[in-house]
Amino acid sequence: MHPSKHSPVGVFDSGVGGVSVLREALAYLPHENYIYYGDNGNAPYGDRSEDEITSLTLRCIRLLVAKGCKAILVACNTATANCIHSIRAEMDVPVVSVEPALKPACAQNGSGKVFMMATLATTRLERYLALQQRMPSPSRIVNIPCPGLVNRIEQGQFEAAAFDDLFDRYLAPYEGCEVDGIVLGCTHYIFIKDAFRRAAARHLQGACTLYDGNAGTVHQLAHVLQAHQLANPNGSAQVDFYTSGDYDFYKKLFDALLKREIG
């Protein structure tokens, strides 16, 4: 049976990062219901091959569609950059995906750089590199892979100082660089904005304004649901949680992140 407007929206991420997008959706679309699937057992995706990312992503999204989801929200930048075309080609429900907020970051006036900080996979994939080239001054953008951040976030670490050693390594080549904006190119990173601000204060100069694509993604979801006559006027923001990892551990982390304040 084809999903109706009363069916849930499926939200997919490689782990708990997509909870930051789900929070935005719950605030902006409180009359929808949601099913969240985190592939925590295989996170992080950023260190995997393109074939692995595609295979894992499609398996998870097929599961959400099998559960009757009327639309899919891909809340994972790595999956989007790697295989969004494959997802849309296979699925017969609307698919909306998060993308790095390069456009608003590059629209900011200033003479400094724009740092795109993301997983290794995202920064090397053709879809992302094509997006970068469409920006007004592509050479202004500095791509900085951040291996290790997702692993710690998946373990439940969020204190700003807990990431100092990693940021010291990432930013060592750019010590004192003037930076106008920092794009949080992974949805996990939104939960450690204080760590990014701390790192910027310790290593960089300039405004270092943080950007993420969550609000724009959820607004696009709302538009797509309306366009397909799938908007639910009677939902109650119910969220069902599924994971490929340790359910008890990740359900506790999931619930905590839904309530966590984000600066």
C-alpha atoms as a PDB file:
ATOM      1  CA  MET A   1       0.000   0.000   0.000  1.00  0.00           C
ATOM      2  CA  HIS A   2       1.335   3.417  -0.912  1.00  0.00           C
ATOM      3  CA  PRO A   3       2.075   5.656   2.096  1.00  0.00           C
ATOM      4  CA  SER A   4      -0.487   8.323   2.944  1.00  0.00           C
ATOM      5  CA  LYS A   5      -0.069  11.789   4.423  1.00  0.00           C
ATOM      6  CA  HIS A   6      -0.538  10.200   7.852  1.00  0.00           C
ATOM      7  CA  SER A   7       2.501   7.960   7.362  1.00  0.00           C
ATOM      8  CA  PRO A   8       5.756   8.917   9.113  1.00  0.00           C
ATOM      9  CA  VAL A   9       8.783  10.681   7.655  1.00  0.00           C
ATOM     10  CA  GLY A  10      11.892   8.510   7.696  1.00  0.00           C
ATOM     11  CA  VAL A  11      15.082  10.155   8.960  1.00  0.00           C
ATOM     12  CA  PHE A  12      18.380   8.427   8.228  1.00  0.00           C
ATOM     13  CA  ASP A  13      21.920   9.054   9.429  1.00  0.00           C
ATOM     14  CA  SER A  14      25.053   6.979   9.845  1.00  0.00           C
ATOM     15  CA  GLY A  15      24.735   7.571  13.593  1.00  0.00           C
ATOM     16  CA  VAL A  16      23.329  10.135  16.023  1.00  0.00           C
ATOM     17  CA  GLY A  17      24.262  13.238  14.018  1.00  0.00           C
ATOM     18  CA  GLY A  18      20.925  13.207  12.244  1.00  0.00           C
ATOM     19  CA  VAL A  19      19.237  13.874  15.567  1.00  0.00           C
ATOM     20  CA  SER A  20      20.276  17.510  15.055  1.00  0.00           C
ATOM     21  CA  VAL A  21      18.208  17.571  11.840  1.00  0.00           C
ATOM     22  CA  LEU A  22      15.339  15.691  13.479  1.00  0.00           C
ATOM     23  CA  ARG A  23      15.210  18.330  16.222  1.00  0.00           C
ATOM     24  CA  GLU A  24      14.841  21.010  13.565  1.00  0.00           C
ATOM     25  CA  ALA A  25      12.079  18.999  11.906  1.00  0.00           C
ATOM     26  CA  LEU A  26      10.208  18.505  15.172  1.00  0.00           C
ATOM     27  CA  ALA A  27      10.275  22.261  15.791  1.00  0.00           C
ATOM     28  CA  TYR A  28       9.309  23.283  12.247  1.00  0.00           C
ATOM     29  CA  LEU A  29       6.967  20.392  11.391  1.00  0.00           C
ATOM     30  CA  PRO A  30       5.409  19.360  14.727  1.00  0.00           C
ATOM     31  CA  HIS A  31       2.383  17.801  13.039  1.00  0.00           C
ATOM     32  CA  GLU A  32       4.455  15.098  11.365  1.00  0.00           C
ATOM     33  CA  ASN A  33       5.464  11.751  12.843  1.00  0.00           C
ATOM     34  CA  TYR A  34       8.951  10.334  12.342  1.00  0.00           C
ATOM     35  CA  ILE A  35      10.964   7.125  12.247  1.00  0.00           C
ATOM     36  CA  TYR A  36      14.672   7.598  12.906  1.00  0.00           C
ATOM     37  CA  TYR A  37      17.239   5.033  11.824  1.00  0.00           C
ATOM     38  CA  GLY A  38      20.856   5.416  12.916  1.00  0.00           C
ATOM     39  CA  ASP A  39      23.387   3.013  11.455  1.00  0.00           C
ATOM     40  CA  ASN A  40      25.469   3.325  14.620  1.00  0.00           C
ATOM     41  CA  GLY A  41      26.829  -0.179  14.257  1.00  0.00           C
ATOM     42  CA  ASN A  42      28.654   0.910  11.089  1.00  0.00           C
ATOM     43  CA  ALA A  43      29.502   4.520  11.981  1.00  0.00           C
ATOM     44  CA  PRO A  44      31.434   6.506  11.041  1.00  0.00           C
ATOM     45  CA  TYR A  45      30.804   6.430   7.287  1.00  0.00           C
ATOM     46  CA  GLY A  46      33.461   9.064   6.628  1.00  0.00           C
ATOM     47  CA  ASP A  47      36.316   6.545   6.693  1.00  0.00           C
ATOM     48  CA  ARG A  48      34.603   4.011   4.407  1.00  0.00           C
ATOM     49  CA  SER A  49      34.854   3.444   0.656  1.00  0.00           C
ATOM     50  CA  GLU A  50      32.252   4.842  -1.719  1.00  0.00           C
ATOM     51  CA  ASP A  51      30.869   1.366  -2.432  1.00  0.00           C
ATOM     52  CA  GLU A  52      30.518   0.634   1.279  1.00  0.00           C
ATOM     53  CA  ILE A  53      28.750   3.930   1.937  1.00  0.00           C
ATOM     54  CA  THR A  54      26.316   3.329  -0.911  1.00  0.00           C
ATOM     55  CA  SER A  55      25.550  -0.234   0.176  1.00  0.00           C
ATOM     56  CA  LEU A  56      25.012   0.697   3.818  1.00  0.00           C
ATOM     57  CA  THR A  57      22.916   3.749   2.991  1.00  0.00           C
ATOM     58  CA  LEU A  58      20.593   1.931   0.613  1.00  0.00           C
ATOM     59  CA  ARG A  59      20.089  -0.896   3.118  1.00  0.00           C
ATOM     60  CA  CYS A  60      19.028   1.552   5.810  1.00  0.00           C
ATOM     61  CA  ILE A  61      16.720   3.556   3.567  1.00  0.00           C
ATOM     62  CA  ARG A  62      15.074   0.406   2.229  1.00  0.00           C
ATOM     63  CA  LEU A  63      14.327  -0.490   5.837  1.00  0.00           C
ATOM     64  CA  LEU A  64      12.635   2.888   6.408  1.00  0.00           C
ATOM     65  CA  VAL A  65      10.575   2.545   3.237  1.00  0.00           C
ATOM     66  CA  ALA A  66       9.576  -0.981   4.285  1.00  0.00           C
ATOM     67  CA  LYS A  67       8.276   0.502   7.545  1.00  0.00           C
ATOM     68  CA  GLY A  68       5.879   2.657   5.519  1.00  0.00           C
ATOM     69  CA  CYS A  69       7.660   6.010   5.476  1.00  0.00           C
ATOM     70  CA  LYS A  70       6.079   8.486   3.056  1.00  0.00           C
ATOM     71  CA  ALA A  71       9.294  10.468   2.521  1.00  0.00           C
ATOM     72  CA  ILE A  72      12.963  10.097   3.387  1.00  0.00           C
ATOM     73  CA  LEU A  73      15.165  12.745   4.984  1.00  0.00           C
ATOM     74  CA  VAL A  74      18.829  11.844   4.460  1.00  0.00           C
ATOM     75  CA  ALA A  75      20.425  13.602   7.443  1.00  0.00           C
ATOM     76  CA  CYS A  76      23.965  12.554   6.556  1.00  0.00           C
ATOM     77  CA  ASN A  77      26.272  14.756   4.474  1.00  0.00           C
ATOM     78  CA  THR A  78      28.545  11.834   3.608  1.00  0.00           C
ATOM     79  CA  ALA A  79      25.675   9.711   2.281  1.00  0.00           C
ATOM     80  CA  THR A  80      24.285  12.681   0.354  1.00  0.00           C
ATOM     81  CA  ALA A  81      27.594  13.470  -1.313  1.00  0.00           C
ATOM     82  CA  ASN A  82      28.257   9.805  -2.047  1.00  0.00           C
ATOM     83  CA  CYS A  83      25.012   8.361  -3.373  1.00  0.00           C
ATOM     84  CA  ILE A  84      21.983  10.674  -3.332  1.00  0.00           C
ATOM     85  CA  HIS A  85      21.397  10.017  -7.051  1.00  0.00           C
ATOM     86  CA  SER A  86      21.304   6.265  -6.439  1.00  0.00           C
ATOM     87  CA  ILE A  87      18.868   6.737  -3.557  1.00  0.00           C
ATOM     88  CA  ARG A  88      16.486   8.870  -5.602  1.00  0.00           C
ATOM     89  CA  ALA A  89      16.700   6.512  -8.578  1.00  0.00           C
ATOM     90  CA  GLU A  90      15.626   3.537  -6.482  1.00  0.00           C
ATOM     91  CA  MET A  91      13.036   5.003  -4.102  1.00  0.00           C
ATOM     92  CA  ASP A  92       9.446   5.697  -5.116  1.00  0.00           C
ATOM     93  CA  VAL A  93       8.933   8.171  -2.260  1.00  0.00           C
ATOM     94  CA  PRO A  94      10.280  11.751  -2.109  1.00  0.00           C
ATOM     95  CA  VAL A  95      13.846  12.072  -0.837  1.00  0.00           C
ATOM     96  CA  VAL A  96      15.273  15.225   0.764  1.00  0.00           C
ATOM     97  CA  SER A  97      18.921  15.470   1.753  1.00  0.00           C
ATOM     98  CA  VAL A  98      21.125  17.714   3.852  1.00  0.00           C
ATOM     99  CA  GLU A  99      24.003  19.554   2.167  1.00  0.00           C
ATOM    100  CA  PRO A 100      26.823  21.679   3.563  1.00  0.00           C
ATOM    101  CA  ALA A 101      25.867  25.336   4.043  1.00  0.00           C
ATOM    102  CA  LEU A 102      28.543  26.629   1.684  1.00  0.00           C
ATOM    103  CA  LYS A 103      26.295  29.169  -0.029  1.00  0.00           C
ATOM    104  CA  PRO A 104      25.426  31.280   3.044  1.00  0.00           C
ATOM    105  CA  ALA A 105      28.987  30.985   4.329  1.00  0.00           C
ATOM    106  CA  CYS A 106      30.428  32.209   1.047  1.00  0.00           C
ATOM    107  CA  ALA A 107      27.861  35.027   0.874  1.00  0.00           C
ATOM    108  CA  GLN A 108      29.325  36.530   4.048  1.00  0.00           C
ATOM    109  CA  ASN A 109      31.385  39.625   3.313  1.00  0.00           C
ATOM    110  CA  GLY A 110      35.016  39.543   4.309  1.00  0.00           C
ATOM    111  CA  SER A 111      38.533  38.892   3.119  1.00  0.00           C
ATOM    112  CA  GLY A 112      39.042  35.721   5.120  1.00  0.00           C
ATOM    113  CA  LYS A 113      38.722  32.055   4.233  1.00  0.00           C
ATOM    114  CA  VAL A 114      35.713  29.782   4.567  1.00  0.00           C
ATOM    115  CA  PHE A 115      36.630  26.515   6.283  1.00  0.00           C
ATOM    116  CA  MET A 116      34.613  23.481   5.251  1.00  0.00           C
ATOM    117  CA  MET A 117      35.105  20.967   8.061  1.00  0.00           C
ATOM    118  CA  ALA A 118      33.660  17.538   7.354  1.00  0.00           C
ATOM    119  CA  THR A 119      34.403  13.849   7.139  1.00  0.00           C
ATOM    120  CA  LEU A 120      37.206  12.687   4.876  1.00  0.00           C
ATOM    121  CA  ALA A 121      34.706  11.053   2.509  1.00  0.00           C
ATOM    122  CA  THR A 122      32.588  14.188   2.109  1.00  0.00           C
ATOM    123  CA  THR A 123      35.505  16.468   1.267  1.00  0.00           C
ATOM    124  CA  ARG A 124      36.815  14.196  -1.501  1.00  0.00           C
ATOM    125  CA  LEU A 125      33.568  13.193  -3.232  1.00  0.00           C
ATOM    126  CA  GLU A 126      32.699  14.577  -6.679  1.00  0.00           C
ATOM    127  CA  ARG A 127      29.257  15.880  -5.676  1.00  0.00           C
ATOM    128  CA  TYR A 128      30.726  18.027  -2.931  1.00  0.00           C
ATOM    129  CA  LEU A 129      33.641  19.212  -5.082  1.00  0.00           C
ATOM    130  CA  ALA A 130      31.146  20.222  -7.786  1.00  0.00           C
ATOM    131  CA  LEU A 131      29.173  22.188  -5.182  1.00  0.00           C
ATOM    132  CA  GLN A 132      32.345  23.955  -4.140  1.00  0.00           C
ATOM    133  CA  GLN A 133      33.096  24.953  -7.731  1.00  0.00           C
ATOM    134  CA  ARG A 134      29.651  26.577  -8.030  1.00  0.00           C
ATOM    135  CA  MET A 135      30.474  29.035  -5.255  1.00  0.00           C
ATOM    136  CA  PRO A 136      31.451  32.619  -6.226  1.00  0.00           C
ATOM    137  CA  SER A 137      35.093  32.192  -5.130  1.00  0.00           C
ATOM    138  CA  PRO A 138      35.890  28.473  -4.839  1.00  0.00           C
ATOM    139  CA  SER A 139      39.500  29.196  -3.900  1.00  0.00           C
ATOM    140  CA  ARG A 140      38.271  30.930  -0.752  1.00  0.00           C
ATOM    141  CA  ILE A 141      37.078  27.568   0.583  1.00  0.00           C
ATOM    142  CA  VAL A 142      39.510  25.404   2.531  1.00  0.00           C
ATOM    143  CA  ASN A 143      38.466  21.760   2.926  1.00  0.00           C
ATOM    144  CA  ILE A 144      39.545  20.268   6.242  1.00  0.00           C
ATOM    145  CA  PRO A 145      38.875  16.552   6.875  1.00  0.00           C
ATOM    146  CA  CYS A 146      38.151  15.847  10.541  1.00  0.00           C
ATOM    147  CA  PRO A 147      38.694  12.141  11.260  1.00  0.00           C
ATOM    148  CA  GLY A 148      37.929  11.187  14.833  1.00  0.00           C
ATOM    149  CA  LEU A 149      35.233  13.727  15.707  1.00  0.00           C
ATOM    150  CA  VAL A 150      32.310  11.464  14.823  1.00  0.00           C
ATOM    151  CA  ASN A 151      33.811   8.549  16.749  1.00  0.00           C
ATOM    152  CA  ARG A 152      33.915  10.566  19.963  1.00  0.00           C
ATOM    153  CA  ILE A 153      30.438  12.019  19.485  1.00  0.00           C
ATOM    154  CA  GLU A 154      29.083   8.511  18.884  1.00  0.00           C
ATOM    155  CA  GLN A 155      30.627   7.544  22.227  1.00  0.00           C
ATOM    156  CA  GLY A 156      28.690  10.340  23.953  1.00  0.00           C
ATOM    157  CA  GLN A 157      31.491  12.914  24.326  1.00  0.00           C
ATOM    158  CA  PHE A 158      30.385  16.534  23.971  1.00  0.00           C
ATOM    159  CA  GLU A 159      32.564  18.647  26.291  1.00  0.00           C
ATOM    160  CA  ALA A 160      34.359  21.361  24.308  1.00  0.00           C
ATOM    161  CA  ALA A 161      37.814  20.607  25.737  1.00  0.00           C
ATOM    162  CA  ALA A 162      37.499  16.896  24.922  1.00  0.00           C
ATOM    163  CA  PHE A 163      38.316  17.626  21.285  1.00  0.00           C
ATOM    164  CA  ASP A 164      41.339  19.900  21.760  1.00  0.00           C
ATOM    165  CA  ASP A 165      43.861  17.303  20.599  1.00  0.00           C
ATOM    166  CA  LEU A 166      41.985  16.685  17.361  1.00  0.00           C
ATOM    167  CA  PHE A 167      41.474  20.375  16.543  1.00  0.00           C
ATOM    168  CA  ASP A 168      45.115  21.082  17.356  1.00  0.00           C
ATOM    169  CA  ARG A 169      46.022  18.638  14.615  1.00  0.00           C
ATOM    170  CA  TYR A 170      43.417  19.780  12.080  1.00  0.00           C
ATOM    171  CA  LEU A 171      44.201  23.478  12.443  1.00  0.00           C
ATOM    172  CA  ALA A 172      47.984  23.375  12.880  1.00  0.00           C
ATOM    173  CA  PRO A 173      48.577  24.208   9.180  1.00  0.00           C
ATOM    174  CA  TYR A 174      46.273  27.255   9.465  1.00  0.00           C
ATOM    175  CA  GLU A 175      47.484  28.813  12.721  1.00  0.00           C
ATOM    176  CA  GLY A 176      46.485  32.497  12.801  1.00  0.00           C
ATOM    177  CA  CYS A 177      44.536  32.287   9.532  1.00  0.00           C
ATOM    178  CA  GLU A 178      41.733  34.826   9.067  1.00  0.00           C
ATOM    179  CA  VAL A 179      38.484  32.887   8.736  1.00  0.00           C
ATOM    180  CA  ASP A 180      35.098  34.430   8.010  1.00  0.00           C
ATOM    181  CA  GLY A 181      33.028  31.271   8.317  1.00  0.00           C
ATOM    182  CA  ILE A 182      33.239  27.630   9.357  1.00  0.00           C
ATOM    183  CA  VAL A 183      30.841  25.231   7.671  1.00  0.00           C
ATOM    184  CA  LEU A 184      29.846  22.298   9.864  1.00  0.00           C
ATOM    185  CA  GLY A 185      29.851  19.724   7.079  1.00  0.00           C
ATOM    186  CA  CYS A 186      28.625  16.809   9.202  1.00  0.00           C
ATOM    187  CA  THR A 187      25.373  16.785  11.169  1.00  0.00           C
ATOM    188  CA  HIS A 188      27.202  15.284  14.162  1.00  0.00           C
ATOM    189  CA  TYR A 189      29.254  18.470  14.517  1.00  0.00           C
ATOM    190  CA  ILE A 190      26.256  20.580  15.463  1.00  0.00           C
ATOM    191  CA  PHE A 191      26.292  18.945  18.883  1.00  0.00           C
ATOM    192  CA  ILE A 192      29.807  20.232  19.557  1.00  0.00           C
ATOM    193  CA  LYS A 193      29.532  23.842  18.409  1.00  0.00           C
ATOM    194  CA  ASP A 194      31.277  24.938  21.601  1.00  0.00           C
ATOM    195  CA  ALA A 195      34.262  22.778  20.670  1.00  0.00           C
ATOM    196  CA  PHE A 196      34.454  24.468  17.264  1.00  0.00           C
ATOM    197  CA  ARG A 197      34.231  27.918  18.858  1.00  0.00           C
ATOM    198  CA  ARG A 198      36.916  26.991  21.377  1.00  0.00           C
ATOM    199  CA  ALA A 199      39.198  25.712  18.614  1.00  0.00           C
ATOM    200  CA  ALA A 200      38.636  28.840  16.527  1.00  0.00           C
ATOM    201  CA  ALA A 201      39.495  31.091  19.481  1.00  0.00           C
ATOM    202  CA  ARG A 202      42.677  29.112  20.148  1.00  0.00           C
ATOM    203  CA  HIS A 203      43.962  28.873  16.574  1.00  0.00           C
ATOM    204  CA  LEU A 204      42.262  31.306  14.183  1.00  0.00           C
ATOM    205  CA  GLN A 205      41.420  34.959  13.613  1.00  0.00           C
ATOM    206  CA  GLY A 206      38.323  36.589  12.147  1.00  0.00           C
ATOM    207  CA  ALA A 207      34.606  36.123  12.685  1.00  0.00           C
ATOM    208  CA  CYS A 208      34.686  32.302  12.381  1.00  0.00           C
ATOM    209  CA  THR A 209      30.874  32.245  12.140  1.00  0.00           C
ATOM    210  CA  LEU A 210      29.461  28.706  12.244  1.00  0.00           C
ATOM    211  CA  TYR A 211      27.095  27.532   9.498  1.00  0.00           C
ATOM    212  CA  ASP A 212      25.032  24.373   9.105  1.00  0.00           C
ATOM    213  CA  GLY A 213      22.426  23.252   6.598  1.00  0.00           C
ATOM    214  CA  ASN A 214      19.768  21.889   8.936  1.00  0.00           C
ATOM    215  CA  ALA A 215      17.160  24.665   8.760  1.00  0.00           C
ATOM    216  CA  GLY A 216      17.316  24.835   4.968  1.00  0.00           C
ATOM    217  CA  THR A 217      16.971  21.066   4.734  1.00  0.00           C
ATOM    218  CA  VAL A 218      13.867  20.974   6.916  1.00  0.00           C
ATOM    219  CA  HIS A 219      12.285  23.877   5.022  1.00  0.00           C
ATOM    220  CA  GLN A 220      12.857  21.901   1.826  1.00  0.00           C
ATOM    221  CA  LEU A 221      11.234  18.866   3.445  1.00  0.00           C
ATOM    222  CA  ALA A 222       8.164  20.962   4.253  1.00  0.00           C
ATOM    223  CA  HIS A 223       8.021  22.198   0.648  1.00  0.00           C
ATOM    224  CA  VAL A 224       8.340  18.677  -0.765  1.00  0.00           C
ATOM    225  CA  LEU A 225       5.620  17.281   1.511  1.00  0.00           C
ATOM    226  CA  GLN A 226       3.254  20.063   0.454  1.00  0.00           C
ATOM    227  CA  ALA A 227       4.090  19.612  -3.214  1.00  0.00           C
ATOM    228  CA  HIS A 228       3.302  15.883  -3.019  1.00  0.00           C
ATOM    229  CA  GLN A 229       0.177  16.461  -0.895  1.00  0.00           C
ATOM    230  CA  LEU A 230       1.776  14.470   1.910  1.00  0.00           C
ATOM    231  CA  ALA A 231       1.766  17.073   4.695  1.00  0.00           C
ATOM    232  CA  ASN A 232       0.137  15.666   7.827  1.00  0.00           C
ATOM    233  CA  PRO A 233      -2.192  18.077   9.689  1.00  0.00           C
ATOM    234  CA  ASN A 234      -2.867  15.652  12.546  1.00  0.00           C
ATOM    235  CA  GLY A 235       0.450  14.115  13.591  1.00  0.00           C
ATOM    236  CA  SER A 236       1.819  14.445  17.111  1.00  0.00           C
ATOM    237  CA  ALA A 237       5.603  14.565  16.601  1.00  0.00           C
ATOM    238  CA  GLN A 238       5.847  10.904  17.541  1.00  0.00           C
ATOM    239  CA  VAL A 239       9.355   9.517  16.998  1.00  0.00           C
ATOM    240  CA  ASP A 240      10.229   5.835  16.737  1.00  0.00           C
ATOM    241  CA  PHE A 241      13.938   5.030  17.063  1.00  0.00           C
ATOM    242  CA  TYR A 242      15.874   2.215  15.430  1.00  0.00           C
ATOM    243  CA  THR A 243      19.600   1.470  15.334  1.00  0.00           C
ATOM    244  CA  SER A 244      22.011  -1.125  13.998  1.00  0.00           C
ATOM    245  CA  GLY A 245      24.082  -0.677  17.155  1.00  0.00           C
ATOM    246  CA  ASP A 246      23.544  -1.354  20.857  1.00  0.00           C
ATOM    247  CA  TYR A 247      19.916  -0.292  21.279  1.00  0.00           C
ATOM    248  CA  ASP A 248      20.038   0.502  24.995  1.00  0.00           C
ATOM    249  CA  PHE A 249      23.159   2.665  24.690  1.00  0.00           C
ATOM    250  CA  TYR A 250      22.070   4.574  21.592  1.00  0.00           C
ATOM    251  CA  LYS A 251      18.449   5.008  22.667  1.00  0.00           C
ATOM    252  CA  LYS A 252      19.691   6.682  25.842  1.00  0.00           C
ATOM    253  CA  LEU A 253      22.055   8.882  23.817  1.00  0.00           C
ATOM    254  CA  PHE A 254      19.307   9.617  21.274  1.00  0.00           C
ATOM    255  CA  ASP A 255      16.879  10.743  23.987  1.00  0.00           C
ATOM    256  CA  ALA A 256      19.558  12.908  25.606  1.00  0.00           C
ATOM    257  CA  LEU A 257      20.421  14.604  22.306  1.00  0.00           C
ATOM    258  CA  LEU A 258      16.769  15.386  21.580  1.00  0.00           C
ATOM    259  CA  LYS A 259      16.761  17.426  24.799  1.00  0.00           C
ATOM    260  CA  ARG A 260      20.299  18.817  24.648  1.00  0.00           C
ATOM    261  CA  GLU A 261      20.725  22.564  24.296  1.00  0.00           C
ATOM    262  CA  ILE A 262      22.634  23.587  21.186  1.00  0.00           C
ATOM    263  CA  GLY A 263      24.445  26.915  21.228  1.00  0.00           C
END
